[in-house]
Amino acid sequence: MALAVRCDLGTLDRLTQFMRESVALPPQECEEVAFAFREVVMNAMEHGGKFDPEKFLEIGYLKSKRMVMCRVKDPGEGFSMDEIRAAELDRPIVDLSDQAGAEKRGELPCGGIGILISQKFVDELIFSEKGNEVFLIKYLPHVPRRPVGEV
């Protein structure tokens, strides 16, 4: 499946719900994959598309017996994971459970924290060289086939 998606938050919510409903995983893992997908799409809409509803993302979705893969490409200039890692080293990451309190104190999570978390929730997160295209891959549990004729 391939979609051209407007860079607006209403579309983001619908896409995230689709991801939750389409991945056959235990509930916790399903939420993790949905989080990773939402984060990648949100970043693409925000940084690549500037939340301009006249701009579009390309979203590809492929599901097989053993994996789910999503491709997200935005119209932007791209970014580098090295930039995110450098920002992470320059500032300490605040406790995300107290994010509202941290914001009041002027402490914000470093840019890119969502991507770093997303990498932990999927099996592979692959960025194009330009940095405006991302592939998320989640391998599904292997279900042994029954021999032919067995019920």
Foldseek 3Di string as FASTA:
>chain_A
DKDWAFLADVRLVVVLVVQLVPDPDPNVLSVLLSLLVSVLSNCLSCAQVVSGRVFTWMWDWDDDLWKIKIKIAGNHQADDVVVQVVQCVVDPADDPVCQVVCVVVVHHGGPPPSNVSSPVSAVDWDADPRHRMIMTMHTDDDDDDDPPPDD
